[in-house]
Protein backbone atom coordinates (compact mmCIF):
# COMPACT_ATOMS: atom_id res chain seq x y z
CA MET A 1 -0.09 -0.08 -0.15
CA LEU A 2 1.14 3.50 -1.17
CA THR A 3 2.24 6.23 2.04
CA LEU A 4 1.49 9.40 2.72
CA LEU A 5 4.81 10.35 1.05
CA ASP A 6 4.34 8.78 -1.88
CA THR A 7 0.73 9.56 -1.84
CA ALA A 8 1.87 13.31 -1.83
CA LYS A 9 4.64 12.82 -4.55
CA ALA A 10 1.68 11.70 -6.31
CA VAL A 11 -0.78 14.57 -5.98
CA GLN A 12 2.34 16.90 -6.51
CA PHE A 13 3.94 14.92 -9.85
CA GLY A 14 1.46 12.22 -10.82
CA ASN A 15 1.83 10.25 -14.04
CA PRO A 16 0.56 12.63 -16.59
CA LEU A 17 1.40 10.03 -19.50
CA ILE A 18 -0.71 7.40 -17.48
CA ASN A 19 -3.43 9.86 -16.80
CA ILE A 20 -3.67 11.87 -20.09
CA SER A 21 -3.72 8.71 -21.51
CA ILE A 22 -6.72 7.60 -19.70
CA PHE A 23 -8.35 10.63 -20.46
CA ALA A 24 -8.15 10.66 -23.94
CA VAL A 25 -9.77 6.81 -24.24
CA PHE A 26 -12.98 7.92 -22.43
CA VAL A 27 -13.04 11.36 -24.25
CA ILE A 28 -12.38 9.68 -27.74
CA ALA A 29 -14.74 6.92 -27.15
CA THR A 30 -18.15 8.68 -25.86
CA MET A 31 -16.95 11.36 -28.73
CA GLY A 32 -17.38 7.87 -30.64
CA VAL A 33 -20.46 7.42 -29.27
CA VAL A 34 -21.98 10.66 -29.61
CA ILE A 35 -20.90 10.68 -33.62
CA SER A 36 -22.43 7.12 -34.33
CA VAL A 37 -25.92 7.49 -32.47
CA SER A 38 -26.30 10.99 -34.08
CA ARG A 39 -25.60 10.00 -37.66
CA ASN A 40 -29.00 9.31 -38.47
CA ALA A 41 -30.88 11.98 -36.72
CA ASP A 42 -32.86 14.60 -37.92
CA LYS A 43 -30.34 17.76 -36.94
CA LYS A 44 -33.33 20.29 -37.47
CA ALA A 45 -36.23 18.30 -35.53
CA ALA A 46 -36.69 20.12 -32.15
CA ALA A 47 -37.92 16.83 -31.00
CA SER A 48 -34.41 15.46 -32.24
CA PHE A 49 -32.26 18.14 -30.63
CA TYR A 50 -34.31 18.46 -27.38
CA THR A 51 -35.96 14.66 -26.48
CA GLY A 52 -33.70 12.20 -28.79
CA GLY A 53 -36.84 11.86 -30.33
CA GLY A 54 -39.01 10.55 -27.70
CA ALA A 55 -37.24 6.95 -28.47
CA PHE A 56 -35.33 5.53 -25.90
CA SER A 57 -37.05 2.71 -23.39
CA GLY A 58 -37.35 2.74 -19.74
CA ARG A 59 -34.26 0.84 -19.07
CA GLN A 60 -32.15 3.68 -20.86
CA ASN A 61 -33.90 6.24 -19.65
CA GLY A 62 -33.45 5.07 -16.40
CA LEU A 63 -30.04 4.63 -16.88
CA ALA A 64 -29.60 7.92 -18.25
CA ILE A 65 -31.84 9.41 -15.35
CA THR A 66 -29.47 7.86 -13.06
CA GLY A 67 -26.31 9.37 -15.44
CA ASP A 68 -28.15 12.94 -15.16
CA TYR A 69 -28.46 12.93 -11.44
CA LEU A 70 -25.48 11.43 -10.06
CA SER A 71 -22.90 13.85 -10.95
CA ALA A 72 -19.64 14.83 -10.29
CA ALA A 73 -21.06 16.05 -6.59
CA ALA A 74 -21.88 12.42 -5.78
CA PHE A 75 -19.05 10.96 -6.65
CA LEU A 76 -16.34 13.50 -6.01
CA GLY A 77 -18.35 15.51 -3.48
CA VAL A 78 -20.13 13.78 -1.10
CA THR A 79 -17.16 11.14 -1.10
CA GLY A 80 -14.88 14.57 0.12
CA ALA A 81 -17.88 15.92 2.17
CA ILE A 82 -17.71 12.82 4.34
CA ALA A 83 -14.03 12.48 4.29
CA ILE A 84 -13.78 16.04 5.51
CA ASN A 85 -16.68 15.56 8.09
CA GLY A 86 -17.88 12.88 8.42
CA PHE A 87 -21.27 12.11 9.09
CA ASP A 88 -22.27 15.36 8.60
CA GLY A 89 -20.65 15.06 4.95
CA PHE A 90 -23.28 11.79 4.24
CA LEU A 91 -26.40 13.61 5.10
CA TYR A 92 -25.65 14.48 1.52
CA SER A 93 -25.70 10.84 0.29
CA VAL A 94 -29.70 11.02 2.57
CA GLY A 95 -30.30 14.23 0.82
CA PHE A 96 -29.54 13.43 -2.37
CA PHE A 97 -31.81 9.66 -2.39
CA VAL A 98 -35.13 10.99 -0.54
CA ALA A 99 -35.43 13.08 -2.77
CA TRP A 100 -35.48 11.06 -5.70
CA ILE A 101 -38.25 9.38 -4.06
CA ILE A 102 -39.81 12.65 -3.62
CA ALA A 103 -39.67 13.43 -7.44
CA LEU A 104 -40.76 10.82 -8.61
CA THR A 105 -43.64 10.37 -6.51
CA LEU A 106 -44.78 13.92 -7.19
CA VAL A 107 -43.84 15.56 -9.73
CA ALA A 108 -41.73 12.88 -12.91
CA GLU A 109 -44.66 10.89 -14.55
CA PRO A 110 -47.27 13.80 -14.67
CA LEU A 111 -44.62 16.76 -15.58
CA ARG A 112 -43.67 13.89 -18.47
CA ASN A 113 -47.40 13.58 -19.26
CA THR A 114 -47.99 17.24 -20.12
CA GLY A 115 -45.29 18.93 -21.51
CA ARG A 116 -43.14 18.22 -24.51
CA TYR A 117 -39.40 19.50 -24.57
CA THR A 118 -39.16 21.94 -21.53
CA MET A 119 -40.44 22.74 -18.16
CA ALA A 120 -42.19 26.07 -18.60
CA ASP A 121 -44.05 23.89 -21.49
CA VAL A 122 -46.00 22.52 -17.97
CA LEU A 123 -46.13 26.24 -15.78
CA SER A 124 -47.41 27.39 -18.46
CA PHE A 125 -50.12 25.25 -19.96
CA ARG A 126 -52.99 26.40 -18.33
CA MET A 127 -51.54 30.16 -18.00
CA ASP A 128 -51.28 33.08 -19.76
CA ALA A 129 -48.31 31.64 -21.13
CA LYS A 130 -45.86 34.74 -21.90
CA PRO A 131 -45.03 35.96 -18.66
CA VAL A 132 -44.84 32.50 -16.78
CA ARG A 133 -42.62 30.92 -20.14
CA THR A 134 -40.70 33.94 -19.29
CA ALA A 135 -40.26 33.66 -15.54
CA ALA A 136 -39.66 29.85 -16.08
CA ALA A 137 -36.82 29.98 -18.63
CA ILE A 138 -34.94 32.73 -16.83
CA SER A 139 -35.48 30.43 -13.65
CA THR A 140 -34.25 27.62 -15.42
CA LEU A 141 -31.25 29.20 -16.70
CA VAL A 142 -30.15 30.54 -13.74
CA ILE A 143 -30.20 27.15 -11.75
CA SER A 144 -28.50 25.61 -14.81
CA PHE A 145 -25.82 28.16 -15.01
CA VAL A 146 -25.28 27.11 -10.78
CA TYR A 147 -24.93 23.50 -11.40
CA LEU A 148 -22.56 23.84 -14.11
CA LEU A 149 -19.99 25.71 -11.88
CA ALA A 150 -20.26 22.59 -9.23
CA GLN A 151 -19.42 20.37 -12.46
CA MET A 152 -16.39 22.87 -13.96
CA ALA A 153 -15.09 23.29 -10.41
CA GLY A 154 -14.87 19.18 -10.10
CA ALA A 155 -13.27 19.62 -13.43
CA GLY A 156 -10.39 21.61 -12.46
CA GLY A 157 -9.95 19.98 -9.33
CA LEU A 158 -10.05 16.64 -10.65
CA VAL A 159 -7.03 16.86 -13.58
CA ALA A 160 -4.92 19.30 -11.79
CA LEU A 161 -5.19 16.17 -9.47
CA LEU A 162 -4.00 13.86 -12.09
CA LEU A 163 -1.46 15.80 -13.75
CA GLY A 164 0.41 17.46 -11.02
CA ILE A 165 -1.35 20.89 -12.07
CA LYS A 166 -1.03 23.54 -8.66
CA SER A 167 -0.91 26.74 -11.31
CA THR A 168 -4.58 28.71 -11.25
CA ILE A 169 -3.54 29.69 -14.98
CA GLY A 170 -2.93 25.33 -15.39
CA GLN A 171 -6.57 24.48 -13.74
CA ASN A 172 -8.35 27.32 -15.71
CA LEU A 173 -7.12 25.94 -18.69
CA VAL A 174 -8.24 22.66 -17.94
CA ILE A 175 -11.62 23.88 -17.48
CA VAL A 176 -11.66 25.41 -20.64
CA VAL A 177 -10.50 22.29 -22.26
CA VAL A 178 -14.28 20.94 -20.40
CA GLY A 179 -16.32 23.79 -21.73
CA ALA A 180 -14.70 23.32 -25.17
CA ILE A 181 -15.57 19.35 -25.22
CA MET A 182 -19.29 20.04 -23.49
CA ILE A 183 -20.26 22.38 -26.49
CA ALA A 184 -18.98 19.48 -28.88
CA TYR A 185 -21.05 16.86 -27.64
CA VAL A 186 -23.79 19.51 -27.50
CA LEU A 187 -23.73 20.55 -31.18
CA ILE A 188 -22.77 16.88 -32.74
CA GLY A 189 -25.14 14.84 -30.79
CA GLY A 190 -28.16 17.02 -29.04
CA MET A 191 -30.11 15.00 -26.55
CA LYS A 192 -29.80 11.62 -28.37
CA GLY A 193 -25.99 11.66 -28.31
CA THR A 194 -26.16 13.14 -24.29
CA THR A 195 -28.33 10.36 -23.39
CA TRP A 196 -26.08 7.42 -24.68
CA VAL A 197 -22.99 9.15 -23.12
CA GLN A 198 -24.84 9.43 -19.53
CA MET A 199 -26.06 5.74 -19.87
CA ILE A 200 -22.52 4.56 -20.34
CA LYS A 201 -21.80 6.85 -17.79
CA ALA A 202 -23.96 5.88 -15.41
CA VAL A 203 -22.75 2.07 -15.79
CA LEU A 204 -19.17 2.85 -15.66
CA LEU A 205 -19.64 5.14 -11.99
CA VAL A 206 -22.04 2.80 -10.43
CA THR A 207 -19.88 -0.12 -11.64
CA GLY A 208 -16.15 1.35 -10.08
CA ALA A 209 -17.78 3.16 -6.95
CA THR A 210 -19.19 -0.13 -6.23
CA VAL A 211 -15.60 -2.08 -6.88
CA MET A 212 -13.95 0.90 -4.87
CA ALA A 213 -16.34 0.03 -1.89
CA LEU A 214 -16.07 -3.76 -2.10
CA TRP A 215 -11.89 -3.09 -2.31
CA VAL A 216 -12.27 -1.25 1.05
CA LEU A 217 -14.47 -3.52 2.42
CA VAL A 218 -11.51 -6.41 1.77
CA TYR A 219 -9.38 -3.97 3.67
CA ALA A 220 -12.04 -3.81 6.56
CA ASN A 221 -12.43 -7.72 6.19
CA PHE A 222 -15.94 -7.21 5.36
CA ASN A 223 -16.11 -5.34 9.07
CA VAL A 224 -17.95 -1.67 8.82
CA SER A 225 -17.20 -1.75 12.66
CA HIS A 226 -13.55 -1.91 12.00
CA LEU A 227 -13.52 0.46 9.18
CA LEU A 228 -14.84 3.12 10.95
CA ARG A 229 -12.87 2.71 14.04
CA ASP A 230 -9.58 2.36 11.73
CA ALA A 231 -10.96 6.39 10.51
CA ILE A 232 -11.75 7.41 13.51
CA ALA A 233 -7.95 6.73 14.14
CA HIS A 234 -6.65 8.65 11.23
CA HIS A 235 -9.77 12.06 11.34
CA THR A 236 -8.71 15.13 13.22
CA GLY A 237 -11.91 15.08 14.18
CA GLY A 238 -11.43 11.63 16.26
CA GLU A 239 -14.99 10.07 17.10
CA ALA A 240 -16.75 13.31 15.90
CA ILE A 241 -16.96 12.12 12.76
CA LEU A 242 -20.02 9.78 13.47
CA LYS A 243 -21.74 12.39 15.27
CA PRO A 244 -24.12 14.90 13.30
CA GLY A 245 -22.62 18.39 14.04
CA LEU A 246 -18.58 18.65 13.18
CA GLN A 247 -19.39 20.50 10.12
CA TYR A 248 -22.78 22.23 11.03
CA GLY A 249 -23.26 22.48 14.91
CA LYS A 250 -20.65 24.68 16.16
CA ASP A 251 -23.62 27.77 16.81
CA TRP A 252 -27.21 28.50 16.17
CA ALA A 253 -26.29 29.51 12.86
CA THR A 254 -24.45 26.41 11.61
CA LYS A 255 -27.16 24.52 12.73
CA LEU A 256 -30.03 26.55 11.42
CA SER A 257 -28.00 26.48 7.54
CA PHE A 258 -28.29 22.70 8.27
CA ILE A 259 -31.94 22.59 8.66
CA SER A 260 -31.72 24.40 5.21
CA LEU A 261 -29.26 22.37 3.43
CA ALA A 262 -31.58 19.56 4.54
CA ILE A 263 -34.75 21.17 3.25
CA ALA A 264 -32.74 21.89 -0.20
CA LEU A 265 -31.47 18.28 -0.12
CA VAL A 266 -34.69 17.35 -0.60
CA THR A 267 -36.91 19.29 -2.39
CA GLY A 268 -34.55 20.39 -4.62
CA PRO A 269 -33.93 17.94 -7.14
CA SER A 270 -37.87 18.15 -8.00
CA GLY A 271 -36.74 21.48 -9.53
CA LEU A 272 -34.33 20.56 -11.35
CA PRO A 273 -34.89 20.95 -15.44
CA HIS A 274 -32.58 18.46 -16.45
CA VAL A 275 -33.59 16.19 -14.72
CA LEU A 276 -37.52 16.70 -15.09
CA MET A 277 -36.38 17.12 -18.57
CA ARG A 278 -35.29 13.01 -18.89
CA PHE A 279 -38.76 12.25 -18.40
CA TYR A 280 -39.84 13.68 -22.30
CA THR A 281 -37.43 11.15 -23.93
CA VAL A 282 -39.46 7.96 -23.12
CA PRO A 283 -42.74 7.06 -25.47
CA THR A 284 -45.11 6.77 -22.82
CA ALA A 285 -46.23 7.06 -19.42
CA LYS A 286 -45.33 3.43 -18.66
CA GLU A 287 -41.84 3.53 -19.80
CA ALA A 288 -41.35 7.00 -17.50
CA ARG A 289 -42.30 4.79 -14.44
CA ARG A 290 -39.99 1.57 -15.59
CA SER A 291 -37.60 4.59 -15.98
CA ALA A 292 -38.13 5.41 -12.54
CA VAL A 293 -37.80 2.30 -11.01
CA TRP A 294 -34.37 1.79 -12.65
CA ALA A 295 -33.41 5.24 -11.54
CA ILE A 296 -34.54 4.52 -7.74
CA ASN A 297 -32.62 0.84 -7.67
CA LEU A 298 -29.12 2.06 -9.36
CA VAL A 299 -29.29 5.30 -6.91
CA GLY A 300 -29.97 4.01 -4.06
CA LEU A 301 -27.32 1.52 -4.45
CA PHE A 302 -24.47 4.32 -5.00
CA PHE A 303 -25.41 6.42 -2.20
CA ILE A 304 -24.88 3.44 0.03
CA VAL A 305 -21.78 2.93 -1.53
CA THR A 306 -20.58 6.31 -0.61
CA PHE A 307 -20.78 5.82 2.87
CA LEU A 308 -18.14 3.26 2.47
CA LEU A 309 -15.87 5.35 0.10
CA GLY A 310 -15.72 8.68 2.31
CA TYR A 311 -14.78 6.30 5.79
CA GLY A 312 -12.55 4.83 3.59
CA ALA A 313 -10.62 7.46 2.10
CA ILE A 314 -10.42 8.83 6.21
CA TRP A 315 -8.60 5.62 6.58
CA LEU A 316 -6.66 4.41 4.18
CA VAL A 317 -5.55 7.85 2.52
CA GLY A 318 -3.81 8.38 5.59
CA GLN A 319 -2.75 4.29 6.76
CA ASN A 320 0.26 4.15 8.61
CA THR A 321 1.58 7.23 7.86
CA GLY A 322 1.31 9.21 11.33
CA GLY A 323 -0.73 11.63 9.49
CA MET A 324 -4.36 12.59 8.80
CA GLY A 325 -6.12 11.45 5.43
CA ASN A 326 -8.76 14.13 5.97
CA THR A 327 -5.37 16.68 6.17
CA LEU A 328 -3.91 15.49 2.57
CA ILE A 329 -7.02 15.63 1.16
CA ALA A 330 -7.83 18.94 2.19
CA GLY A 331 -4.50 20.09 1.07
CA ALA A 332 -4.42 18.30 -2.57
CA PRO A 333 -5.60 20.07 -5.62
CA GLY A 334 -9.12 20.16 -5.72
CA LYS A 335 -9.10 19.28 -1.86
CA ALA A 336 -12.02 17.54 -1.09
CA ASN A 337 -13.00 16.91 -4.12
CA ALA A 338 -9.84 14.98 -4.10
CA ALA A 339 -11.02 12.31 -2.08
CA ALA A 340 -12.13 9.49 -4.13
CA PRO A 341 -9.16 9.74 -6.79
CA LEU A 342 -6.37 9.21 -3.63
CA LEU A 343 -8.58 6.34 -2.27
CA ALA A 344 -8.52 5.09 -5.23
CA LEU A 345 -4.93 5.32 -6.03
CA GLN A 346 -4.32 3.98 -2.60
CA LEU A 347 -6.11 0.78 -3.20
CA GLY A 348 -4.37 0.13 -6.85
CA GLY A 349 -2.18 2.98 -7.59
CA GLU A 350 -1.94 5.38 -10.44
CA ILE A 351 -3.94 2.80 -13.10
CA MET A 352 -6.47 2.41 -10.73
CA MET A 353 -6.60 6.31 -9.73
CA GLY A 354 -6.83 7.45 -13.45
CA ILE A 355 -9.58 4.74 -14.12
CA ILE A 356 -11.65 6.19 -11.28
CA SER A 357 -10.68 10.06 -12.21
CA GLY A 358 -11.60 8.75 -15.74
CA ILE A 359 -14.93 8.08 -15.16
CA ALA A 360 -15.18 11.20 -13.06
CA PHE A 361 -14.47 13.02 -15.74
CA ALA A 362 -16.99 11.27 -17.85
CA THR A 363 -18.99 12.35 -15.29
CA ILE A 364 -18.59 16.36 -15.37
CA LEU A 365 -18.62 16.14 -19.60
CA ALA A 366 -21.92 14.04 -19.57
CA VAL A 367 -24.10 16.19 -17.06
CA VAL A 368 -22.53 19.47 -18.40
CA ALA A 369 -23.79 18.07 -21.68
CA GLY A 370 -27.18 17.50 -20.12
CA LEU A 371 -27.47 21.09 -18.28
CA THR A 372 -26.22 22.72 -21.51
CA ILE A 373 -29.06 21.28 -23.66
CA THR A 374 -31.57 22.02 -21.01
CA ALA A 375 -30.89 25.74 -20.79
CA SER A 376 -30.22 25.88 -24.97
CA ALA A 377 -33.93 23.96 -25.07
CA SER A 378 -35.37 26.62 -22.65
CA PHE A 379 -34.05 29.50 -23.94
CA ALA A 380 -34.44 29.00 -27.66
CA HIS A 381 -37.91 26.76 -27.36
CA ASP A 382 -39.52 28.82 -24.55
CA ILE A 383 -38.53 32.67 -25.18
CA TYR A 384 -37.14 32.95 -28.40
CA ASN A 385 -39.91 30.80 -29.90
CA ASN A 386 -42.76 31.03 -27.76
CA VAL A 387 -42.26 34.54 -26.18
CA LEU A 388 -40.43 36.78 -28.81
CA LYS A 389 -41.65 34.98 -32.26
CA GLY A 390 -45.66 34.21 -30.65
CA GLY A 391 -45.02 30.27 -31.15
CA LYS A 392 -44.05 30.89 -35.23
CA VAL A 393 -40.58 29.94 -35.53
CA ASP A 394 -39.98 26.77 -37.38
CA ALA A 395 -38.33 23.95 -36.10
CA ALA A 396 -34.84 24.09 -37.80
CA SER A 397 -35.16 27.93 -37.26
CA GLU A 398 -35.47 26.92 -33.46
CA VAL A 399 -33.15 24.15 -33.29
CA ARG A 400 -30.52 26.68 -35.06
CA VAL A 401 -30.92 28.95 -31.95
CA ALA A 402 -30.53 26.37 -29.66
CA ARG A 403 -27.08 25.29 -30.97
CA ALA A 404 -26.15 28.73 -30.82
CA THR A 405 -26.90 29.08 -27.47
CA SER A 406 -25.35 26.25 -26.35
CA VAL A 407 -22.03 27.78 -27.38
CA ILE A 408 -22.98 31.01 -25.02
CA ILE A 409 -24.09 28.94 -22.21
CA GLY A 410 -20.39 26.94 -22.75
CA ILE A 411 -18.66 30.12 -22.24
CA LEU A 412 -20.46 31.76 -19.64
CA ALA A 413 -19.83 27.97 -17.77
CA VAL A 414 -15.91 28.55 -18.54
CA ILE A 415 -15.71 32.23 -16.69
CA GLY A 416 -18.31 31.20 -13.78
CA GLY A 417 -16.03 27.49 -13.13
CA ILE A 418 -12.91 29.25 -13.19
CA PHE A 419 -14.46 31.84 -10.07
CA ALA A 420 -15.68 28.35 -8.85
CA ASN A 421 -12.51 26.17 -8.63
CA GLY A 422 -11.43 24.83 -5.35
CA GLN A 423 -15.00 25.12 -3.92
CA ASN A 424 -16.58 21.82 -2.74
CA ILE A 425 -18.74 20.87 -5.71
CA ALA A 426 -21.34 19.19 -3.23
CA PHE A 427 -21.76 22.05 -1.60
CA LEU A 428 -22.01 24.15 -4.55
CA ILE A 429 -24.64 21.68 -5.81
CA SER A 430 -27.18 22.44 -2.46
CA LEU A 431 -27.13 25.60 -3.73
CA ALA A 432 -28.18 25.09 -7.07
CA PHE A 433 -30.69 22.74 -5.03
CA GLY A 434 -32.16 25.68 -3.09
CA VAL A 435 -32.85 27.93 -5.98
CA ALA A 436 -34.30 24.82 -7.83
CA ALA A 437 -36.61 24.09 -4.66
CA ALA A 438 -37.41 27.63 -4.00
CA ALA A 439 -37.59 28.95 -7.62
CA ASN A 440 -39.60 25.86 -9.25
CA LEU A 441 -41.50 23.37 -6.72
CA PRO A 442 -43.72 25.68 -5.99
CA ALA A 443 -45.07 26.54 -8.92
CA ILE A 444 -44.62 22.74 -10.51
CA LEU A 445 -47.07 21.31 -7.25
CA PHE A 446 -49.05 24.44 -7.43
CA THR A 447 -49.96 23.95 -11.14
CA LEU A 448 -49.97 20.26 -11.38
CA TYR A 449 -52.50 19.84 -7.87
CA TRP A 450 -54.01 23.34 -7.26
CA ARG A 451 -57.04 24.01 -9.68
CA SER A 452 -57.33 27.71 -8.91
CA PHE A 453 -53.68 28.45 -9.22
CA ASN A 454 -53.34 31.21 -12.16
CA THR A 455 -50.89 33.26 -13.92
CA ARG A 456 -50.24 36.10 -11.32
CA GLY A 457 -49.67 33.12 -8.63
CA SER A 458 -47.03 31.22 -10.74
CA VAL A 459 -45.18 34.08 -11.57
CA TRP A 460 -45.53 35.38 -8.20
CA SER A 461 -43.99 32.34 -7.07
CA ILE A 462 -40.82 31.56 -9.11
CA TYR A 463 -39.49 35.18 -9.26
CA THR A 464 -39.89 35.19 -5.15
CA GLY A 465 -38.02 31.88 -4.79
CA LEU A 466 -35.93 33.24 -7.48
CA ILE A 467 -34.32 36.15 -6.49
CA THR A 468 -34.87 35.50 -2.98
CA SER A 469 -32.75 32.67 -2.86
CA VAL A 470 -29.83 34.07 -5.34
CA VAL A 471 -29.44 37.49 -3.34
CA LEU A 472 -29.48 35.32 -0.09
CA ILE A 473 -26.36 33.25 -1.52
CA ALA A 474 -24.83 36.26 -2.91
CA PHE A 475 -24.59 37.74 0.70
CA SER A 476 -24.22 34.64 2.69
CA PRO A 477 -21.04 33.20 4.05
CA ALA A 478 -21.12 31.22 1.29
CA ILE A 479 -20.28 33.82 -0.70
CA SER A 480 -17.56 36.35 1.47
CA GLY A 481 -16.87 36.12 4.84
CA ASP A 482 -15.44 33.03 5.82
CA LYS A 483 -12.32 31.60 4.87
CA SER A 484 -13.85 28.52 2.86
CA ALA A 485 -16.12 31.10 0.67
CA PHE A 486 -16.17 32.31 -3.14
CA PHE A 487 -13.70 35.39 -1.89
CA PRO A 488 -12.63 34.61 1.41
CA HIS A 489 -10.84 38.04 1.46
CA ALA A 490 -13.93 40.02 0.98
CA ASP A 491 -16.93 40.44 3.32
CA PHE A 492 -20.18 41.59 2.43
CA ALA A 493 -22.03 38.88 4.10
CA TRP A 494 -25.25 39.76 5.82
CA PHE A 495 -27.21 36.59 5.66
CA PRO A 496 -26.01 34.34 8.54
CA LEU A 497 -26.98 30.92 6.85
CA THR A 498 -25.05 29.12 4.00
CA ASN A 499 -28.23 27.94 2.64
CA PRO A 500 -31.01 30.11 1.54
CA THR A 501 -33.95 27.74 1.43
CA ILE A 502 -35.24 28.01 5.03
CA VAL A 503 -36.45 31.30 4.19
CA ALA A 504 -36.84 31.43 -0.01
CA LEU A 505 -38.72 28.23 -0.06
CA PRO A 506 -41.71 28.97 2.06
CA LEU A 507 -42.00 32.53 1.12
CA ALA A 508 -42.40 30.99 -2.46
CA PHE A 509 -45.06 29.14 -1.20
CA PHE A 510 -47.02 31.84 0.16
CA MET A 511 -46.29 34.09 -2.71
CA GLY A 512 -47.78 31.67 -4.90
CA TRP A 513 -50.93 31.53 -2.74
CA LEU A 514 -50.99 35.30 -2.06
CA GLY A 515 -51.04 35.84 -6.21
CA THR A 516 -53.48 33.08 -7.01
CA VAL A 517 -56.23 34.21 -4.48
CA THR A 518 -55.62 38.46 -5.03
CA ALA A 519 -55.74 38.31 -9.04
CA LYS A 520 -59.11 39.28 -10.66
CA ASN A 521 -58.43 36.50 -13.75
CA LYS A 522 -59.22 33.29 -12.18
CA ALA A 523 -57.88 30.06 -13.70
CA ASP A 524 -59.25 28.91 -16.65
CA LYS A 525 -61.74 25.92 -16.02
CA ALA A 526 -61.54 24.14 -19.41
CA LEU A 527 -57.84 23.99 -19.58
CA GLN A 528 -57.43 23.14 -16.11
CA ALA A 529 -59.91 19.74 -16.93
CA GLU A 530 -57.67 19.04 -20.00
CA MET A 531 -54.02 19.28 -18.04
CA GLU A 532 -55.75 17.10 -15.25
CA VAL A 533 -56.62 14.41 -17.56
CA ARG A 534 -53.08 14.33 -19.14
CA SER A 535 -51.24 14.41 -16.46
CA MET A 536 -52.76 11.35 -14.51
CA THR A 537 -53.74 9.51 -17.78
CA GLY A 538 -50.94 10.75 -20.64
CA LEU A 539 -53.42 11.06 -23.29
CA GLY A 540 -52.49 13.54 -24.82
CA ALA A 541 -49.28 13.51 -23.89
CA GLY A 542 -46.48 16.05 -25.85
CA GLU A 543 -49.15 17.41 -27.99
CA ALA A 544 -48.72 21.16 -28.11
CA ILE A 545 -51.71 23.31 -26.36
CA VAL A 546 -53.37 26.17 -27.82
CA HIS A 547 -54.12 28.96 -26.18
């Protein structure tokens, strides 16, 4: 087994030839898949670019949903969060998994049955379309951008670790390369190519993480108590890593931040546009349910595995060295995000580290491609076609706008990723979850389940949740006033919590109700009845609604 000194050398110098070769294999192979599966696709058809023609089976879409949901935050971020903060980090796994159950139970199938391409199709179904589509599209773009920050930060830290790049300029160049590959995936393959990449990546990620977890158990003689005991011995927090409060138990603000984080983790995925958009890629409601079953099983398995990976990283990365595993991880390029690759290095050397990191890199590429398609579809379909052009733009022109938007989004994601480099990506994702929960979830639930809900209520709810969550994040310790903040040397924070959901989500629900009951124009009963039939039965799903 490698010692801490060996590991430190690997972190600093690595084996660039091995690592870059493995990366190149993953990129070339996945790009080949994208080109192959997209060869016969209609490049000008909106359905092909946005939803892959709705031709995927439940099993295929289940794998793709798993790939979309298990982002770099799930693998690198959660493993790192556990390695640094123990039990508090594992709560990310619990929150992500419970959230998936809520999304499937309340949102996924009715949304799939009612919409065509985007979340805004559903929210505007029985409303005055233009203001609701505008609000939903703006929300989608903001959430996608915040989510992209996390993936780009993960890419910079991961490649910096593998190639021994410590300079800020070098890590920023890595982020630029990731952005370029992401744009290529989207422009060449659209949703069809991206979905196949997601399927491949899901299989690789779940398999790779499971193999690592079993390997950790082999070292622990399949005794979890042994694993936890040795993890305690190799963490600066000692027994505190098995109890809540190491990260979120310092004072009332951190405890309340934890409650807010928990709410965000559980409710956020139900408002994530790129995950919800996945359900438009299957032809029937039955296949949507099948895909949900596949996804829930794979996601559940994965998050059980992260428990073993996180505590295994604490123990094995710092074992037999006189050092502490979490200290080494925190000081590595990529910081907490380096925990999983360093654990792979301890288990199987540089080849294993390169393979696992290559899988993580493929994870990042696939997720950012999915996010980019979602954001570009929202702008082209919702804002450009339906708001600015009144729905009169032909499909080919709309797709051209979507492709151009993909390039712009990619450039913005690169710029944002440079600023986010070095942040824990699980934490960054929790911020995206907070915005998604507050901006989208109240409007989605009200639209699907409250017959009286109307245009004013929808617009008030979306803008209130979006603006409140973004403003509170901007003036929170997550951005300034803390050594782990985006701007650690500045301090303009006045909101004491690191996550805004505990304030923004209830306020968005309240404003949705207030806007509805104070509006003079009541809900359209005929459209409400049609939406209810579609959402519950799937009849007429995928057909446009004409107001």
